[in-house]
C-alpha atoms as a PDB file:
ATOM      1  CA  MET A   1       0.677 -13.974  20.042  1.00  0.00           C
ATOM      2  CA  ARG A   2      -2.354 -12.627  18.235  1.00  0.00           C
ATOM      3  CA  THR A   3      -3.271 -13.913  14.810  1.00  0.00           C
ATOM      4  CA  PHE A   4      -6.020 -13.416  12.226  1.00  0.00           C
ATOM      5  CA  TYR A   5      -9.686 -13.311  13.189  1.00  0.00           C
ATOM      6  CA  PRO A   6     -11.849 -15.983  11.487  1.00  0.00           C
ATOM      7  CA  GLU A   7     -12.825 -15.655   7.844  1.00  0.00           C
ATOM      8  CA  ILE A   8     -15.886 -13.482   7.183  1.00  0.00           C
ATOM      9  CA  GLU A   9     -17.862 -12.399   4.135  1.00  0.00           C
ATOM     10  CA  PRO A  10     -19.080  -8.887   3.287  1.00  0.00           C
ATOM     11  CA  TYR A  11     -22.631  -7.998   4.253  1.00  0.00           C
ATOM     12  CA  GLU A  12     -22.683  -5.248   1.608  1.00  0.00           C
ATOM     13  CA  GLN A  13     -20.596  -4.330  -1.426  1.00  0.00           C
ATOM     14  CA  GLY A  14     -20.806  -2.174  -4.506  1.00  0.00           C
ATOM     15  CA  MET A  15     -19.140   0.101  -7.044  1.00  0.00           C
ATOM     16  CA  LEU A  16     -18.714   3.854  -6.492  1.00  0.00           C
ATOM     17  CA  ASP A  17     -18.359   6.273  -9.404  1.00  0.00           C
ATOM     18  CA  VAL A  18     -15.562   8.662  -8.418  1.00  0.00           C
ATOM     19  CA  GLY A  19     -15.405  10.610 -11.687  1.00  0.00           C
ATOM     20  CA  ASP A  20     -12.765  10.658 -14.419  1.00  0.00           C
ATOM     21  CA  GLY A  21     -14.388   7.519 -15.851  1.00  0.00           C
ATOM     22  CA  GLN A  22     -13.319   5.542 -12.753  1.00  0.00           C
ATOM     23  CA  THR A  23     -15.399   3.316 -10.496  1.00  0.00           C
ATOM     24  CA  ILE A  24     -13.997   1.772  -7.348  1.00  0.00           C
ATOM     25  CA  TYR A  25     -15.053  -1.464  -5.671  1.00  0.00           C
ATOM     26  CA  TRP A  26     -15.954  -1.243  -1.983  1.00  0.00           C
ATOM     27  CA  GLU A  27     -17.246  -3.652   0.633  1.00  0.00           C
ATOM     28  CA  GLU A  28     -18.273  -3.720   4.283  1.00  0.00           C
ATOM     29  CA  SER A  29     -17.997  -6.627   6.704  1.00  0.00           C
ATOM     30  CA  GLY A  30     -18.108  -7.213  10.445  1.00  0.00           C
ATOM     31  CA  ASN A  31     -20.616  -5.303  12.585  1.00  0.00           C
ATOM     32  CA  ALA A  32     -22.711  -2.761  10.679  1.00  0.00           C
ATOM     33  CA  ALA A  33     -23.222  -0.854  13.930  1.00  0.00           C
ATOM     34  CA  GLY A  34     -19.575  -1.139  14.971  1.00  0.00           C
ATOM     35  CA  LYS A  35     -16.608   1.214  14.971  1.00  0.00           C
ATOM     36  CA  PRO A  36     -15.807   2.280  11.385  1.00  0.00           C
ATOM     37  CA  VAL A  37     -12.367   1.430  10.008  1.00  0.00           C
ATOM     38  CA  VAL A  38     -11.038   1.702   6.472  1.00  0.00           C
ATOM     39  CA  PHE A  39      -8.221  -0.522   5.220  1.00  0.00           C
ATOM     40  CA  LEU A  40      -5.779   0.863   2.624  1.00  0.00           C
ATOM     41  CA  HIS A  41      -3.971  -1.713   0.519  1.00  0.00           C
ATOM     42  CA  GLY A  42      -0.411  -1.495  -0.724  1.00  0.00           C
ATOM     43  CA  GLY A  43       1.138  -1.082  -4.122  1.00  0.00           C
ATOM     44  CA  PRO A  44      -0.332   1.206  -5.291  1.00  0.00           C
ATOM     45  CA  GLY A  45      -2.048  -1.322  -7.486  1.00  0.00           C
ATOM     46  CA  GLY A  46      -2.077  -4.273  -5.089  1.00  0.00           C
ATOM     47  CA  GLY A  47      -5.817  -4.446  -4.413  1.00  0.00           C
ATOM     48  CA  THR A  48      -7.548  -5.916  -1.385  1.00  0.00           C
ATOM     49  CA  ASN A  49      -8.148  -9.557  -0.514  1.00  0.00           C
ATOM     50  CA  PRO A  50     -10.378 -11.345   2.015  1.00  0.00           C
ATOM     51  CA  THR A  51      -7.516 -11.769   4.496  1.00  0.00           C
ATOM     52  CA  HIS A  52      -7.446  -8.016   5.073  1.00  0.00           C
ATOM     53  CA  ARG A  53     -10.871  -8.206   6.747  1.00  0.00           C
ATOM     54  CA  ARG A  54      -9.354 -10.452   9.385  1.00  0.00           C
ATOM     55  CA  LEU A  55      -7.173  -7.753  10.971  1.00  0.00           C
ATOM     56  CA  PHE A  56     -10.205  -6.500  12.896  1.00  0.00           C
ATOM     57  CA  ASP A  57     -12.553  -7.935  15.509  1.00  0.00           C
ATOM     58  CA  PRO A  58     -15.732  -8.482  13.441  1.00  0.00           C
ATOM     59  CA  ALA A  59     -17.933  -8.127  16.511  1.00  0.00           C
ATOM     60  CA  LYS A  60     -16.645  -4.603  17.164  1.00  0.00           C
ATOM     61  CA  TYR A  61     -15.640  -3.128  13.811  1.00  0.00           C
ATOM     62  CA  ARG A  62     -17.510  -1.952  10.749  1.00  0.00           C
ATOM     63  CA  ILE A  63     -14.787  -2.945   8.280  1.00  0.00           C
ATOM     64  CA  VAL A  64     -14.552  -0.976   5.014  1.00  0.00           C
ATOM     65  CA  LEU A  65     -12.270  -2.222   2.246  1.00  0.00           C
ATOM     66  CA  PHE A  66     -11.916  -0.728  -1.230  1.00  0.00           C
ATOM     67  CA  ASP A  67      -9.769  -1.261  -4.294  1.00  0.00           C
ATOM     68  CA  GLN A  68      -7.974   1.890  -5.376  1.00  0.00           C
ATOM     69  CA  ARG A  69      -8.249   3.156  -8.939  1.00  0.00           C
ATOM     70  CA  GLY A  70      -7.257   0.746 -11.681  1.00  0.00           C
ATOM     71  CA  CYS A  71      -6.717  -2.422  -9.634  1.00  0.00           C
ATOM     72  CA  GLY A  72      -8.540  -5.271  -7.923  1.00  0.00           C
ATOM     73  CA  LYS A  73     -12.199  -5.115  -8.895  1.00  0.00           C
ATOM     74  CA  SER A  74     -12.128  -1.395  -9.708  1.00  0.00           C
ATOM     75  CA  LEU A  75     -12.664  -0.318 -13.312  1.00  0.00           C
ATOM     76  CA  PRO A  76     -11.193   0.301 -15.790  1.00  0.00           C
ATOM     77  CA  HIS A  77      -8.387  -2.082 -14.866  1.00  0.00           C
ATOM     78  CA  ALA A  78      -4.817  -0.905 -15.487  1.00  0.00           C
ATOM     79  CA  SER A  79      -3.987  -4.155 -17.277  1.00  0.00           C
ATOM     80  CA  GLU A  80      -6.335  -3.279 -20.136  1.00  0.00           C
ATOM     81  CA  PRO A  81      -4.824  -2.185 -23.473  1.00  0.00           C
ATOM     82  CA  GLY A  82      -4.373   1.573 -23.632  1.00  0.00           C
ATOM     83  CA  ALA A  83      -5.100   2.027 -19.926  1.00  0.00           C
ATOM     84  CA  ASP A  84      -5.108   5.747 -19.073  1.00  0.00           C
ATOM     85  CA  LEU A  85      -3.511   6.438 -15.695  1.00  0.00           C
ATOM     86  CA  SER A  86      -3.535  10.228 -15.936  1.00  0.00           C
ATOM     87  CA  SER A  87      -6.247  10.604 -13.269  1.00  0.00           C
ATOM     88  CA  ASN A  88      -4.705   7.973 -10.995  1.00  0.00           C
ATOM     89  CA  THR A  89      -2.917  10.236  -8.494  1.00  0.00           C
ATOM     90  CA  THR A  90      -2.420  10.366  -4.742  1.00  0.00           C
ATOM     91  CA  TRP A  91      -4.678  13.357  -4.327  1.00  0.00           C
ATOM     92  CA  ASN A  92      -7.473  11.806  -6.388  1.00  0.00           C
ATOM     93  CA  LEU A  93      -7.262   8.729  -4.128  1.00  0.00           C
ATOM     94  CA  VAL A  94      -7.527  10.994  -1.083  1.00  0.00           C
ATOM     95  CA  ALA A  95     -10.634  12.543  -2.647  1.00  0.00           C
ATOM     96  CA  ASP A  96     -11.990   9.044  -3.423  1.00  0.00           C
ATOM     97  CA  MET A  97     -11.718   8.159   0.261  1.00  0.00           C
ATOM     98  CA  GLU A  98     -13.779  11.187   1.178  1.00  0.00           C
ATOM     99  CA  ARG A  99     -16.395  10.302  -1.437  1.00  0.00           C
ATOM    100  CA  LEU A 100     -16.576   6.784  -0.055  1.00  0.00           C
ATOM    101  CA  ARG A 101     -16.782   7.955   3.564  1.00  0.00           C
ATOM    102  CA  GLU A 102     -19.630  10.311   2.737  1.00  0.00           C
ATOM    103  CA  ALA A 103     -21.426   7.768   0.539  1.00  0.00           C
ATOM    104  CA  ARG A 104     -21.374   5.238   3.385  1.00  0.00           C
ATOM    105  CA  GLY A 105     -22.644   7.766   5.924  1.00  0.00           C
ATOM    106  CA  ILE A 106     -19.516   7.597   8.100  1.00  0.00           C
ATOM    107  CA  ASP A 107     -18.521  10.677  10.096  1.00  0.00           C
ATOM    108  CA  ARG A 108     -15.058   9.551  11.283  1.00  0.00           C
ATOM    109  CA  TRP A 109     -13.114   6.332  10.858  1.00  0.00           C
ATOM    110  CA  GLN A 110      -9.961   4.576  11.907  1.00  0.00           C
ATOM    111  CA  VAL A 111      -7.439   4.296   9.064  1.00  0.00           C
ATOM    112  CA  LEU A 112      -5.110   1.295   8.718  1.00  0.00           C
ATOM    113  CA  GLY A 113      -2.604   1.126   5.892  1.00  0.00           C
ATOM    114  CA  GLY A 114       0.626  -0.665   5.106  1.00  0.00           C
ATOM    115  CA  SER A 115       3.422  -0.027   2.618  1.00  0.00           C
ATOM    116  CA  TRP A 116       1.892   2.275  -0.035  1.00  0.00           C
ATOM    117  CA  GLY A 117      -1.225   2.097   2.146  1.00  0.00           C
ATOM    118  CA  SER A 118       0.748   3.902   4.859  1.00  0.00           C
ATOM    119  CA  THR A 119       1.636   6.604   2.311  1.00  0.00           C
ATOM    120  CA  LEU A 120      -1.992   7.105   1.383  1.00  0.00           C
ATOM    121  CA  ALA A 121      -3.046   6.990   5.049  1.00  0.00           C
ATOM    122  CA  LEU A 122      -0.577   9.750   5.906  1.00  0.00           C
ATOM    123  CA  ALA A 123      -1.642  11.865   2.937  1.00  0.00           C
ATOM    124  CA  TYR A 124      -5.305  11.437   3.891  1.00  0.00           C
ATOM    125  CA  ALA A 125      -4.838  12.050   7.618  1.00  0.00           C
ATOM    126  CA  GLU A 126      -2.658  15.118   7.078  1.00  0.00           C
ATOM    127  CA  THR A 127      -5.340  16.504   4.742  1.00  0.00           C
ATOM    128  CA  HIS A 128      -8.425  15.478   6.775  1.00  0.00           C
ATOM    129  CA  PRO A 129      -7.244  15.002  10.391  1.00  0.00           C
ATOM    130  CA  ALA A 130     -10.710  15.685  11.787  1.00  0.00           C
ATOM    131  CA  ARG A 131     -12.037  12.591   9.981  1.00  0.00           C
ATOM    132  CA  VAL A 132      -9.523  10.156  11.511  1.00  0.00           C
ATOM    133  CA  THR A 133     -10.100   8.550  14.909  1.00  0.00           C
ATOM    134  CA  GLU A 134      -6.837   6.576  14.945  1.00  0.00           C
ATOM    135  CA  LEU A 135      -4.009   5.668  12.568  1.00  0.00           C
ATOM    136  CA  VAL A 136      -2.434   2.215  12.405  1.00  0.00           C
ATOM    137  CA  LEU A 137       0.498   2.162   9.968  1.00  0.00           C
ATOM    138  CA  ARG A 138       2.758  -0.667   8.845  1.00  0.00           C
ATOM    139  CA  GLY A 139       5.879  -0.795   6.648  1.00  0.00           C
ATOM    140  CA  ILE A 140       6.186   2.978   6.395  1.00  0.00           C
ATOM    141  CA  PHE A 141       6.780   4.365   2.911  1.00  0.00           C
ATOM    142  CA  THR A 142       6.754   8.095   2.185  1.00  0.00           C
ATOM    143  CA  LEU A 143       7.908   8.005  -1.450  1.00  0.00           C
ATOM    144  CA  ARG A 144      10.978  10.157  -0.940  1.00  0.00           C
ATOM    145  CA  ARG A 145      13.744   9.999  -3.528  1.00  0.00           C
ATOM    146  CA  SER A 146      16.060   8.168  -1.135  1.00  0.00           C
ATOM    147  CA  GLU A 147      13.424   5.458  -0.604  1.00  0.00           C
ATOM    148  CA  LEU A 148      12.869   4.950  -4.334  1.00  0.00           C
ATOM    149  CA  ASP A 149      16.594   4.896  -5.033  1.00  0.00           C
ATOM    150  CA  TRP A 150      17.178   2.286  -2.334  1.00  0.00           C
ATOM    151  CA  PHE A 151      14.796  -0.306  -3.737  1.00  0.00           C
ATOM    152  CA  TYR A 152      14.533   0.496  -7.444  1.00  0.00           C
ATOM    153  CA  GLU A 153      17.864   2.063  -8.382  1.00  0.00           C
ATOM    154  CA  GLY A 154      20.278  -0.451  -6.903  1.00  0.00           C
ATOM    155  CA  GLY A 155      20.594  -0.029  -3.146  1.00  0.00           C
ATOM    156  CA  ALA A 156      18.869  -3.272  -2.239  1.00  0.00           C
ATOM    157  CA  SER A 157      20.914  -5.156  -4.841  1.00  0.00           C
ATOM    158  CA  ALA A 158      23.672  -5.375  -2.238  1.00  0.00           C
ATOM    159  CA  ILE A 159      21.458  -7.775  -0.269  1.00  0.00           C
ATOM    160  CA  LEU A 160      19.564  -9.474  -3.108  1.00  0.00           C
ATOM    161  CA  PRO A 161      22.073  -9.596  -5.989  1.00  0.00           C
ATOM    162  CA  ASP A 162      20.522 -12.661  -7.608  1.00  0.00           C
ATOM    163  CA  ARG A 163      17.011 -11.208  -7.574  1.00  0.00           C
ATOM    164  CA  TRP A 164      18.337  -7.845  -8.761  1.00  0.00           C
ATOM    165  CA  GLU A 165      19.925  -9.484 -11.789  1.00  0.00           C
ATOM    166  CA  THR A 166      16.499 -10.802 -12.805  1.00  0.00           C
ATOM    167  CA  PHE A 167      14.962  -7.349 -12.232  1.00  0.00           C
ATOM    168  CA  VAL A 168      17.427  -5.532 -14.494  1.00  0.00           C
ATOM    169  CA  GLU A 169      17.337  -8.156 -17.249  1.00  0.00           C
ATOM    170  CA  PRO A 170      14.515  -6.558 -19.334  1.00  0.00           C
ATOM    171  CA  VAL A 171      16.260  -3.156 -19.315  1.00  0.00           C
ATOM    172  CA  PRO A 172      18.917  -2.379 -21.951  1.00  0.00           C
ATOM    173  CA  GLU A 173      22.345  -1.662 -20.498  1.00  0.00           C
ATOM    174  CA  ALA A 174      22.123   2.040 -21.343  1.00  0.00           C
ATOM    175  CA  GLY A 175      18.813   2.381 -19.496  1.00  0.00           C
ATOM    176  CA  ARG A 176      20.019   0.956 -16.205  1.00  0.00           C
ATOM    177  CA  ARG A 177      21.112   4.351 -14.927  1.00  0.00           C
ATOM    178  CA  SER A 178      17.410   5.085 -14.296  1.00  0.00           C
ATOM    179  CA  MET A 179      15.502   1.878 -13.721  1.00  0.00           C
ATOM    180  CA  ILE A 180      12.196   3.526 -12.835  1.00  0.00           C
ATOM    181  CA  ARG A 181      12.190   5.663 -15.974  1.00  0.00           C
ATOM    182  CA  SER A 182      13.291   2.773 -18.190  1.00  0.00           C
ATOM    183  CA  TYR A 183      10.602   0.509 -16.768  1.00  0.00           C
ATOM    184  CA  HIS A 184       8.033   3.236 -17.468  1.00  0.00           C
ATOM    185  CA  ASP A 185       8.857   2.948 -21.169  1.00  0.00           C
ATOM    186  CA  LEU A 186       8.714  -0.860 -21.098  1.00  0.00           C
ATOM    187  CA  LEU A 187       5.436  -1.086 -19.156  1.00  0.00           C
ATOM    188  CA  ASN A 188       3.714   1.351 -21.472  1.00  0.00           C
ATOM    189  CA  ASP A 189       4.949  -0.230 -24.693  1.00  0.00           C
ATOM    190  CA  SER A 190       1.961  -1.410 -26.739  1.00  0.00           C
ATOM    191  CA  ASP A 191       3.595  -4.772 -27.504  1.00  0.00           C
ATOM    192  CA  PRO A 192       2.593  -7.503 -25.004  1.00  0.00           C
ATOM    193  CA  ALA A 193       5.940  -9.187 -25.697  1.00  0.00           C
ATOM    194  CA  VAL A 194       7.568  -6.094 -24.156  1.00  0.00           C
ATOM    195  CA  HIS A 195       5.225  -4.965 -21.391  1.00  0.00           C
ATOM    196  CA  GLY A 196       4.289  -8.493 -20.227  1.00  0.00           C
ATOM    197  CA  PRO A 197       7.756  -9.736 -19.190  1.00  0.00           C
ATOM    198  CA  ALA A 198       8.621  -6.290 -17.797  1.00  0.00           C
ATOM    199  CA  ALA A 199       5.540  -6.352 -15.558  1.00  0.00           C
ATOM    200  CA  VAL A 200       6.390  -9.799 -14.220  1.00  0.00           C
ATOM    201  CA  ALA A 201      10.006  -8.800 -13.566  1.00  0.00           C
ATOM    202  CA  TRP A 202       8.926  -5.630 -11.720  1.00  0.00           C
ATOM    203  CA  SER A 203       6.304  -7.392  -9.611  1.00  0.00           C
ATOM    204  CA  THR A 204       8.390 -10.428  -8.707  1.00  0.00           C
ATOM    205  CA  TRP A 205      11.321  -8.211  -7.670  1.00  0.00           C
ATOM    206  CA  GLU A 206       9.075  -6.716  -5.006  1.00  0.00           C
ATOM    207  CA  ALA A 207       7.547 -10.059  -4.036  1.00  0.00           C
ATOM    208  CA  SER A 208      11.002 -11.543  -3.526  1.00  0.00           C
ATOM    209  CA  ALA A 209      11.870  -8.885  -0.944  1.00  0.00           C
ATOM    210  CA  ILE A 210       8.727  -8.327   1.109  1.00  0.00           C
ATOM    211  CA  THR A 211       9.178 -11.215   3.544  1.00  0.00           C
ATOM    212  CA  LEU A 212      12.123 -11.936   5.799  1.00  0.00           C
ATOM    213  CA  LEU A 213      12.406 -15.383   4.225  1.00  0.00           C
ATOM    214  CA  PRO A 214      11.335 -15.649   0.551  1.00  0.00           C
ATOM    215  CA  ARG A 215       7.966 -17.289  -0.156  1.00  0.00           C
ATOM    216  CA  GLU A 216       7.948 -18.875  -3.576  1.00  0.00           C
ATOM    217  CA  GLU A 217       4.146 -19.139  -3.632  1.00  0.00           C
ATOM    218  CA  LEU A 218       3.882 -15.381  -3.033  1.00  0.00           C
ATOM    219  CA  ILE A 219       6.370 -14.641  -5.801  1.00  0.00           C
ATOM    220  CA  ALA A 220       4.341 -16.860  -8.140  1.00  0.00           C
ATOM    221  CA  ALA A 221       1.118 -15.028  -7.234  1.00  0.00           C
ATOM    222  CA  PHE A 222       2.708 -11.663  -8.080  1.00  0.00           C
ATOM    223  CA  ALA A 223       3.713 -13.098 -11.461  1.00  0.00           C
ATOM    224  CA  GLU A 224       0.111 -13.697 -12.607  1.00  0.00           C
ATOM    225  CA  PRO A 225       0.050 -11.637 -15.843  1.00  0.00           C
ATOM    226  CA  SER A 226      -3.046  -9.487 -15.311  1.00  0.00           C
ATOM    227  CA  TYR A 227      -2.198  -8.751 -11.681  1.00  0.00           C
ATOM    228  CA  ALA A 228       1.466  -8.059 -12.491  1.00  0.00           C
ATOM    229  CA  LEU A 229       0.657  -5.635 -15.312  1.00  0.00           C
ATOM    230  CA  ALA A 230      -1.784  -3.528 -13.276  1.00  0.00           C
ATOM    231  CA  PHE A 231       0.463  -3.613 -10.218  1.00  0.00           C
ATOM    232  CA  ALA A 232       3.623  -2.664 -12.112  1.00  0.00           C
ATOM    233  CA  ARG A 233       2.018   0.003 -14.288  1.00  0.00           C
ATOM    234  CA  ILE A 234       0.297   1.799 -11.410  1.00  0.00           C
ATOM    235  CA  GLU A 235       3.246   1.553  -9.046  1.00  0.00           C
ATOM    236  CA  ASN A 236       5.714   2.776 -11.659  1.00  0.00           C
ATOM    237  CA  HIS A 237       3.347   5.615 -12.641  1.00  0.00           C
ATOM    238  CA  TYR A 238       3.356   6.844  -9.037  1.00  0.00           C
ATOM    239  CA  PHE A 239       7.117   6.532  -8.724  1.00  0.00           C
ATOM    240  CA  VAL A 240       7.870   8.387 -11.961  1.00  0.00           C
ATOM    241  CA  ASN A 241       5.738  11.229 -10.581  1.00  0.00           C
ATOM    242  CA  GLU A 242       7.198  10.923  -7.055  1.00  0.00           C
ATOM    243  CA  GLY A 243       3.695  10.576  -5.680  1.00  0.00           C
ATOM    244  CA  TRP A 244       2.800  14.184  -6.562  1.00  0.00           C
ATOM    245  CA  PHE A 245       4.396  15.156  -3.244  1.00  0.00           C
ATOM    246  CA  GLU A 246       6.645  18.042  -2.370  1.00  0.00           C
ATOM    247  CA  PRO A 247      10.056  16.877  -1.070  1.00  0.00           C
ATOM    248  CA  GLU A 248       9.750  15.415   2.440  1.00  0.00           C
ATOM    249  CA  GLN A 249       6.063  16.389   2.530  1.00  0.00           C
ATOM    250  CA  LEU A 250       4.622  13.515   4.541  1.00  0.00           C
ATOM    251  CA  ILE A 251       7.394  13.597   7.156  1.00  0.00           C
ATOM    252  CA  ARG A 252       7.403  17.412   7.249  1.00  0.00           C
ATOM    253  CA  ASP A 253       3.659  17.587   7.884  1.00  0.00           C
ATOM    254  CA  ALA A 254       3.468  14.760  10.428  1.00  0.00           C
ATOM    255  CA  HIS A 255       2.997  17.348  13.174  1.00  0.00           C
ATOM    256  CA  LEU A 256      -0.586  17.623  11.911  1.00  0.00           C
ATOM    257  CA  LEU A 257      -1.198  14.116  13.319  1.00  0.00           C
ATOM    258  CA  ARG A 258      -0.374  14.923  16.928  1.00  0.00           C
ATOM    259  CA  ASP A 259      -3.977  14.812  18.125  1.00  0.00           C
ATOM    260  CA  ILE A 260      -4.589  11.443  16.425  1.00  0.00           C
ATOM    261  CA  PRO A 261      -3.752   8.303  18.443  1.00  0.00           C
ATOM    262  CA  GLY A 262      -1.372   6.227  16.365  1.00  0.00           C
ATOM    263  CA  VAL A 263       0.642   3.033  16.126  1.00  0.00           C
ATOM    264  CA  ILE A 264       3.590   2.524  13.759  1.00  0.00           C
ATOM    265  CA  VAL A 265       4.661  -1.076  13.058  1.00  0.00           C
ATOM    266  CA  HIS A 266       7.805  -1.783  11.043  1.00  0.00           C
ATOM    267  CA  GLY A 267       9.983  -4.828  10.454  1.00  0.00           C
ATOM    268  CA  ARG A 268      13.586  -4.356  11.577  1.00  0.00           C
ATOM    269  CA  TYR A 269      14.793  -6.159   8.420  1.00  0.00           C
ATOM    270  CA  ASP A 270      12.394  -4.621   5.923  1.00  0.00           C
ATOM    271  CA  LEU A 271      14.248  -4.581   2.581  1.00  0.00           C
ATOM    272  CA  CYS A 272      11.555  -2.727   0.641  1.00  0.00           C
ATOM    273  CA  THR A 273      11.179   0.199   3.035  1.00  0.00           C
ATOM    274  CA  PRO A 274      14.114   0.310   5.480  1.00  0.00           C
ATOM    275  CA  ALA A 275      13.430   1.030   9.137  1.00  0.00           C
ATOM    276  CA  TYR A 276      14.899   4.543   9.019  1.00  0.00           C
ATOM    277  CA  ILE A 277      11.664   5.675   7.341  1.00  0.00           C
ATOM    278  CA  ALA A 278       9.573   4.645  10.346  1.00  0.00           C
ATOM    279  CA  TRP A 279      12.153   6.267  12.614  1.00  0.00           C
ATOM    280  CA  ASP A 280      11.957   9.560  10.669  1.00  0.00           C
ATOM    281  CA  LEU A 281       8.174   9.533  10.952  1.00  0.00           C
ATOM    282  CA  HIS A 282       8.255   8.771  14.677  1.00  0.00           C
ATOM    283  CA  ARG A 283      10.659  11.641  15.330  1.00  0.00           C
ATOM    284  CA  GLN A 284       8.146  14.022  13.762  1.00  0.00           C
ATOM    285  CA  TRP A 285       5.175  12.285  15.405  1.00  0.00           C
ATOM    286  CA  PRO A 286       6.503  11.144  18.800  1.00  0.00           C
ATOM    287  CA  GLU A 287       3.016  10.739  20.223  1.00  0.00           C
ATOM    288  CA  ALA A 288       2.555   7.581  18.127  1.00  0.00           C
ATOM    289  CA  GLU A 289       3.717   4.212  19.460  1.00  0.00           C
ATOM    290  CA  LEU A 290       6.573   2.759  17.433  1.00  0.00           C
ATOM    291  CA  HIS A 291       7.078  -1.015  17.248  1.00  0.00           C
ATOM    292  CA  LEU A 292      10.219  -2.213  15.426  1.00  0.00           C
ATOM    293  CA  ILE A 293       9.649  -5.938  15.001  1.00  0.00           C
ATOM    294  CA  PRO A 294      12.999  -7.719  15.457  1.00  0.00           C
ATOM    295  CA  ASP A 295      12.336 -10.777  13.268  1.00  0.00           C
ATOM    296  CA  ALA A 296      10.290  -9.389  10.373  1.00  0.00           C
ATOM    297  CA  GLY A 297      10.541  -7.861   6.928  1.00  0.00           C
ATOM    298  CA  HIS A 298       7.818  -5.938   5.115  1.00  0.00           C
ATOM    299  CA  ALA A 299       4.776  -8.222   4.839  1.00  0.00           C
ATOM    300  CA  PHE A 300       1.698  -7.628   6.975  1.00  0.00           C
ATOM    301  CA  ASP A 301       1.205 -11.321   7.740  1.00  0.00           C
ATOM    302  CA  GLU A 302       4.637 -12.033   9.197  1.00  0.00           C
ATOM    303  CA  PRO A 303       3.908 -13.206  12.769  1.00  0.00           C
ATOM    304  CA  GLY A 304       5.455 -10.325  14.722  1.00  0.00           C
ATOM    305  CA  ILE A 305       3.945  -7.672  12.470  1.00  0.00           C
ATOM    306  CA  LEU A 306       0.548  -9.354  12.482  1.00  0.00           C
ATOM    307  CA  ASP A 307       0.579  -9.589  16.285  1.00  0.00           C
ATOM    308  CA  ALA A 308       1.389  -5.869  16.592  1.00  0.00           C
ATOM    309  CA  LEU A 309      -1.300  -4.850  14.093  1.00  0.00           C
ATOM    310  CA  ILE A 310      -4.058  -6.843  15.750  1.00  0.00           C
ATOM    311  CA  THR A 311      -2.925  -5.702  19.203  1.00  0.00           C
ATOM    312  CA  ALA A 312      -3.351  -2.154  17.906  1.00  0.00           C
ATOM    313  CA  THR A 313      -6.797  -2.697  16.373  1.00  0.00           C
ATOM    314  CA  ASP A 314      -7.963  -4.564  19.485  1.00  0.00           C
ATOM    315  CA  GLY A 315      -6.668  -1.731  21.650  1.00  0.00           C
ATOM    316  CA  PHE A 316      -8.592   0.869  19.696  1.00  0.00           C
ATOM    317  CA  ALA A 317     -11.794  -1.187  19.273  1.00  0.00           C
ATOM    318  CA  ASP A 318     -13.619   0.269  22.279  1.00  0.00           C
ATOM    319  CA  ARG A 319     -12.491   3.878  21.922  1.00  0.00           C
END
């Protein structure tokens, strides 16, 4: 079973001004003359970390990572007081990717994204298919109403009732009919005594569900106040706006991907984004390989998912 490549450090990094008062952090590692690949992190608002570099053979890949608007090392950070998220939209992130590709002198690149990163990868590839050599997608999420309702409006509470009780605790009883909307009010309240606990509750709800077996250290990491506030604010902002997508858009337009080699990896027991989402995508894009991992949830580093991802990137390395 494949596992992570050894730890590596970037050979180049910087900040890119993408307009709207936003600058995004980017880095490159691996082989500067290798096959270009861009990694898209989850959330939105999750940011990248050094482990993400290790999904690719550093001898063969030119590995590009970047932090999306408002999170990670990008500025301004969404945890700052009065953070303005109005320009933080799916289609501005798609445009940011094109700015970054052009700034780095890359003609075409492989795109790998998981969770929200799969959403952004689909939006990008359906908009710029000629710029994508291959797509590797994990934990498919297309931001449809049914997907949001499942995880944030009570569906998943049937499986995680104890964790759900902690998630709903900050929300007044009357507001529990629309958890996403109620959390939007809490997360944007100017009082740290309101938005701070709400951010931790939102972030730890997700962290408690992303692995097949809960990892307390992961849940604790998601509870770090600055990380939690940026993560929760950005994610909720996207969900309130339903990703700025038309209904069913990413699934509907998946036929545009048919000339792009692709691999879809999804945990059979993914509680955040149930497996039917990957199945819907595969039905519209049957040319892609679909791997339903029988003993995995949502996280990219669960052994079966990790093995499938690195098998995919190794398989595409010499194309």
